[in-house]
Amino acid sequence: MVTASFQDKSSPTWQIIEYLQRHHSATIKDLEQMLGVTTTAVRQHLRTLQLEGYIDRTTVHAGVSDRTTNTYSPTPHADSSPVIAMIWR
């Protein structure tokens, strides 16, 4: 359960939620650079946050090449979570 990870503001899970709330969305590359970890590590954290309902993934089509990029953003659940609200105080 993610809730335990929110008790430690230095945890990658907390840092991802905080980043997404401040920046409204991010790519895996953004989060890799912010956390200083591998793509695989970022994906694992994102998957956990998605399963808990804290973030959504959106696929964005970029340019003529029709290449896609996934962006991640906080859900209303993340904004209204009592756990997160308690820690933000």
N, C-alpha and C. Protein backbone atom coordinates (compact mmCIF):
# COMPACT_ATOMS: atom_id res chain seq x y z
N MET A 1 0.84 -1.18 0.00
CA MET A 1 0.00 0.00 0.00
C MET A 1 0.88 1.24 0.00
N VAL A 2 0.52 2.23 -0.76
CA VAL A 2 1.30 3.44 -0.92
C VAL A 2 1.34 4.28 0.34
N THR A 3 0.31 4.23 1.15
CA THR A 3 0.19 5.08 2.32
C THR A 3 1.44 5.07 3.17
N ALA A 4 2.06 3.93 3.36
CA ALA A 4 3.28 3.85 4.16
C ALA A 4 4.40 4.67 3.54
N SER A 5 4.48 4.72 2.22
CA SER A 5 5.52 5.49 1.54
C SER A 5 5.34 6.98 1.75
N PHE A 6 4.12 7.41 2.02
CA PHE A 6 3.88 8.84 2.22
C PHE A 6 4.34 9.33 3.58
N GLN A 7 4.69 8.43 4.47
CA GLN A 7 5.16 8.85 5.78
C GLN A 7 6.57 9.43 5.70
N ASP A 8 7.29 9.14 4.65
CA ASP A 8 8.67 9.59 4.47
C ASP A 8 8.73 10.51 3.26
N LYS A 9 8.90 11.81 3.49
CA LYS A 9 8.92 12.77 2.39
C LYS A 9 10.12 12.61 1.47
N SER A 10 11.10 11.83 1.88
CA SER A 10 12.26 11.61 1.00
C SER A 10 12.08 10.39 0.11
N SER A 11 10.97 9.65 0.27
CA SER A 11 10.75 8.46 -0.55
C SER A 11 10.46 8.87 -1.99
N PRO A 12 10.86 8.04 -2.94
CA PRO A 12 10.57 8.34 -4.34
C PRO A 12 9.07 8.50 -4.61
N THR A 13 8.25 7.73 -3.94
CA THR A 13 6.81 7.82 -4.14
C THR A 13 6.31 9.21 -3.76
N TRP A 14 6.71 9.67 -2.59
CA TRP A 14 6.32 11.02 -2.15
C TRP A 14 6.86 12.07 -3.13
N GLN A 15 8.10 11.93 -3.54
CA GLN A 15 8.71 12.91 -4.44
C GLN A 15 7.96 12.98 -5.78
N ILE A 16 7.50 11.84 -6.28
CA ILE A 16 6.75 11.83 -7.54
C ILE A 16 5.43 12.56 -7.36
N ILE A 17 4.69 12.25 -6.31
CA ILE A 17 3.41 12.93 -6.07
C ILE A 17 3.62 14.43 -5.91
N GLU A 18 4.61 14.80 -5.14
CA GLU A 18 4.90 16.23 -4.91
C GLU A 18 5.25 16.92 -6.24
N TYR A 19 6.08 16.28 -7.04
CA TYR A 19 6.47 16.84 -8.34
C TYR A 19 5.25 17.02 -9.24
N LEU A 20 4.41 16.00 -9.30
CA LEU A 20 3.23 16.07 -10.16
C LEU A 20 2.24 17.13 -9.68
N GLN A 21 2.11 17.30 -8.38
CA GLN A 21 1.22 18.34 -7.88
C GLN A 21 1.75 19.73 -8.19
N ARG A 22 3.05 19.89 -8.18
CA ARG A 22 3.64 21.20 -8.47
C ARG A 22 3.69 21.51 -9.97
N HIS A 23 3.95 20.48 -10.78
CA HIS A 23 4.13 20.68 -12.22
C HIS A 23 2.91 20.23 -13.05
N HIS A 24 1.95 19.60 -12.42
CA HIS A 24 0.69 19.14 -13.04
C HIS A 24 0.84 17.93 -13.95
N SER A 25 2.01 17.68 -14.51
CA SER A 25 2.24 16.46 -15.29
C SER A 25 3.73 16.28 -15.49
N ALA A 26 4.11 15.07 -15.89
CA ALA A 26 5.52 14.77 -16.13
C ALA A 26 5.63 13.54 -16.99
N THR A 27 6.75 13.42 -17.67
CA THR A 27 7.07 12.21 -18.42
C THR A 27 7.98 11.34 -17.56
N ILE A 28 8.19 10.12 -18.00
CA ILE A 28 9.12 9.25 -17.28
C ILE A 28 10.51 9.87 -17.26
N LYS A 29 10.90 10.47 -18.37
CA LYS A 29 12.22 11.11 -18.45
C LYS A 29 12.35 12.23 -17.41
N ASP A 30 11.30 13.05 -17.26
CA ASP A 30 11.32 14.11 -16.25
C ASP A 30 11.55 13.52 -14.86
N LEU A 31 10.84 12.44 -14.56
CA LEU A 31 10.93 11.84 -13.24
C LEU A 31 12.26 11.13 -13.02
N GLU A 32 12.81 10.53 -14.08
CA GLU A 32 14.15 9.92 -14.00
C GLU A 32 15.17 10.97 -13.58
N GLN A 33 15.13 12.11 -14.26
CA GLN A 33 16.09 13.18 -13.97
C GLN A 33 15.90 13.75 -12.57
N MET A 34 14.65 13.92 -12.16
CA MET A 34 14.37 14.47 -10.84
C MET A 34 14.82 13.52 -9.73
N LEU A 35 14.55 12.23 -9.90
CA LEU A 35 14.88 11.25 -8.87
C LEU A 35 16.31 10.73 -8.96
N GLY A 36 16.89 10.77 -10.16
CA GLY A 36 18.22 10.21 -10.37
C GLY A 36 18.22 8.69 -10.34
N VAL A 37 17.15 8.09 -10.87
CA VAL A 37 17.03 6.63 -10.91
C VAL A 37 16.76 6.16 -12.34
N THR A 38 16.70 4.87 -12.52
CA THR A 38 16.50 4.29 -13.85
C THR A 38 15.04 4.37 -14.29
N THR A 39 14.84 4.16 -15.58
CA THR A 39 13.50 4.12 -16.15
C THR A 39 12.67 3.03 -15.47
N THR A 40 13.27 1.88 -15.24
CA THR A 40 12.57 0.77 -14.60
C THR A 40 12.09 1.15 -13.21
N ALA A 41 12.93 1.81 -12.44
CA ALA A 41 12.54 2.22 -11.08
C ALA A 41 11.38 3.21 -11.13
N VAL A 42 11.45 4.17 -12.05
CA VAL A 42 10.36 5.15 -12.19
C VAL A 42 9.07 4.43 -12.56
N ARG A 43 9.13 3.52 -13.51
CA ARG A 43 7.94 2.78 -13.94
C ARG A 43 7.31 2.00 -12.78
N GLN A 44 8.14 1.41 -11.93
CA GLN A 44 7.62 0.66 -10.78
C GLN A 44 6.86 1.57 -9.83
N HIS A 45 7.42 2.74 -9.54
CA HIS A 45 6.74 3.69 -8.66
C HIS A 45 5.44 4.19 -9.30
N LEU A 46 5.49 4.49 -10.59
CA LEU A 46 4.30 4.97 -11.29
C LEU A 46 3.20 3.91 -11.30
N ARG A 47 3.58 2.68 -11.51
CA ARG A 47 2.59 1.59 -11.54
C ARG A 47 1.89 1.49 -10.18
N THR A 48 2.65 1.55 -9.11
CA THR A 48 2.07 1.50 -7.77
C THR A 48 1.10 2.66 -7.56
N LEU A 49 1.53 3.85 -7.94
CA LEU A 49 0.68 5.04 -7.77
C LEU A 49 -0.58 4.95 -8.63
N GLN A 50 -0.47 4.39 -9.83
CA GLN A 50 -1.65 4.20 -10.69
C GLN A 50 -2.62 3.21 -10.06
N LEU A 51 -2.12 2.09 -9.56
CA LEU A 51 -2.97 1.08 -8.96
C LEU A 51 -3.71 1.62 -7.73
N GLU A 52 -3.08 2.53 -7.00
CA GLU A 52 -3.68 3.13 -5.82
C GLU A 52 -4.63 4.27 -6.18
N GLY A 53 -4.63 4.68 -7.46
CA GLY A 53 -5.54 5.74 -7.90
C GLY A 53 -5.03 7.15 -7.70
N TYR A 54 -3.73 7.31 -7.46
CA TYR A 54 -3.16 8.63 -7.21
C TYR A 54 -2.75 9.36 -8.48
N ILE A 55 -2.48 8.62 -9.55
CA ILE A 55 -2.07 9.26 -10.80
C ILE A 55 -2.77 8.63 -11.99
N ASP A 56 -2.84 9.41 -13.07
CA ASP A 56 -3.36 8.94 -14.35
C ASP A 56 -2.27 9.04 -15.40
N ARG A 57 -2.35 8.16 -16.39
CA ARG A 57 -1.44 8.21 -17.53
C ARG A 57 -2.22 8.67 -18.75
N THR A 58 -1.64 9.58 -19.50
CA THR A 58 -2.23 10.07 -20.74
C THR A 58 -1.22 9.89 -21.85
N THR A 59 -1.67 9.34 -22.98
CA THR A 59 -0.80 9.18 -24.13
C THR A 59 -0.96 10.38 -25.04
N VAL A 60 0.19 10.99 -25.38
CA VAL A 60 0.20 12.19 -26.21
C VAL A 60 0.90 11.85 -27.52
N HIS A 61 0.26 12.18 -28.63
CA HIS A 61 0.86 11.98 -29.94
C HIS A 61 1.68 13.22 -30.28
N ALA A 62 2.95 13.00 -30.58
CA ALA A 62 3.84 14.14 -30.81
C ALA A 62 4.32 14.19 -32.25
N GLY A 63 4.04 15.28 -32.90
CA GLY A 63 4.61 15.57 -34.21
C GLY A 63 4.14 14.71 -35.36
N VAL A 64 4.82 14.90 -36.47
CA VAL A 64 4.49 14.24 -37.73
C VAL A 64 4.79 12.75 -37.67
N SER A 65 5.79 12.37 -36.91
CA SER A 65 6.18 10.95 -36.85
C SER A 65 5.13 10.10 -36.13
N ASP A 66 4.14 10.76 -35.54
CA ASP A 66 3.07 10.09 -34.82
C ASP A 66 3.61 9.26 -33.65
N ARG A 67 4.73 9.71 -33.14
CA ARG A 67 5.33 9.07 -31.99
C ARG A 67 4.52 9.42 -30.74
N THR A 68 4.40 8.49 -29.82
CA THR A 68 3.62 8.76 -28.62
C THR A 68 4.51 8.89 -27.39
N THR A 69 4.05 9.68 -26.46
CA THR A 69 4.71 9.87 -25.18
C THR A 69 3.65 9.76 -24.10
N ASN A 70 3.98 9.11 -23.02
CA ASN A 70 3.06 9.05 -21.89
C ASN A 70 3.38 10.15 -20.91
N THR A 71 2.36 10.84 -20.44
CA THR A 71 2.53 11.80 -19.37
C THR A 71 1.70 11.34 -18.18
N TYR A 72 2.13 11.71 -17.02
CA TYR A 72 1.48 11.30 -15.78
C TYR A 72 1.06 12.54 -15.02
N SER A 73 -0.13 12.47 -14.43
CA SER A 73 -0.65 13.61 -13.68
C SER A 73 -1.42 13.11 -12.46
N PRO A 74 -1.52 13.96 -11.43
CA PRO A 74 -2.24 13.53 -10.23
C PRO A 74 -3.74 13.47 -10.50
N THR A 75 -4.42 12.56 -9.86
CA THR A 75 -5.88 12.44 -9.97
C THR A 75 -6.52 13.29 -8.88
N PRO A 76 -7.82 13.51 -8.98
CA PRO A 76 -8.52 14.19 -7.88
C PRO A 76 -8.34 13.44 -6.55
N HIS A 77 -8.21 12.12 -6.63
CA HIS A 77 -7.97 11.31 -5.41
C HIS A 77 -6.68 11.75 -4.72
N ALA A 78 -5.65 12.03 -5.49
CA ALA A 78 -4.38 12.48 -4.90
C ALA A 78 -4.56 13.84 -4.24
N ASP A 79 -5.33 14.71 -4.88
CA ASP A 79 -5.54 16.04 -4.33
C ASP A 79 -6.40 16.02 -3.07
N SER A 80 -7.30 15.05 -2.96
CA SER A 80 -8.21 15.02 -1.82
C SER A 80 -7.83 13.97 -0.76
N SER A 81 -6.74 13.27 -0.99
CA SER A 81 -6.33 12.22 -0.06
C SER A 81 -6.01 12.80 1.31
N PRO A 82 -6.62 12.29 2.37
CA PRO A 82 -6.32 12.78 3.71
C PRO A 82 -4.86 12.56 4.12
N VAL A 83 -4.28 11.48 3.62
CA VAL A 83 -2.87 11.20 3.92
C VAL A 83 -1.99 12.29 3.34
N ILE A 84 -2.21 12.63 2.08
CA ILE A 84 -1.41 13.65 1.44
C ILE A 84 -1.69 15.02 2.06
N ALA A 85 -2.94 15.32 2.31
CA ALA A 85 -3.29 16.61 2.93
C ALA A 85 -2.63 16.76 4.29
N MET A 86 -2.58 15.69 5.06
CA MET A 86 -1.97 15.73 6.37
C MET A 86 -0.47 16.03 6.27
N ILE A 87 0.18 15.45 5.31
CA ILE A 87 1.61 15.65 5.16
C ILE A 87 1.92 17.04 4.59
N TRP A 88 1.05 17.58 3.75
CA TRP A 88 1.27 18.90 3.18
C TRP A 88 1.22 19.99 4.23
N ARG A 89 0.57 19.74 5.35
CA ARG A 89 0.47 20.78 6.40
C ARG A 89 1.79 21.10 7.01
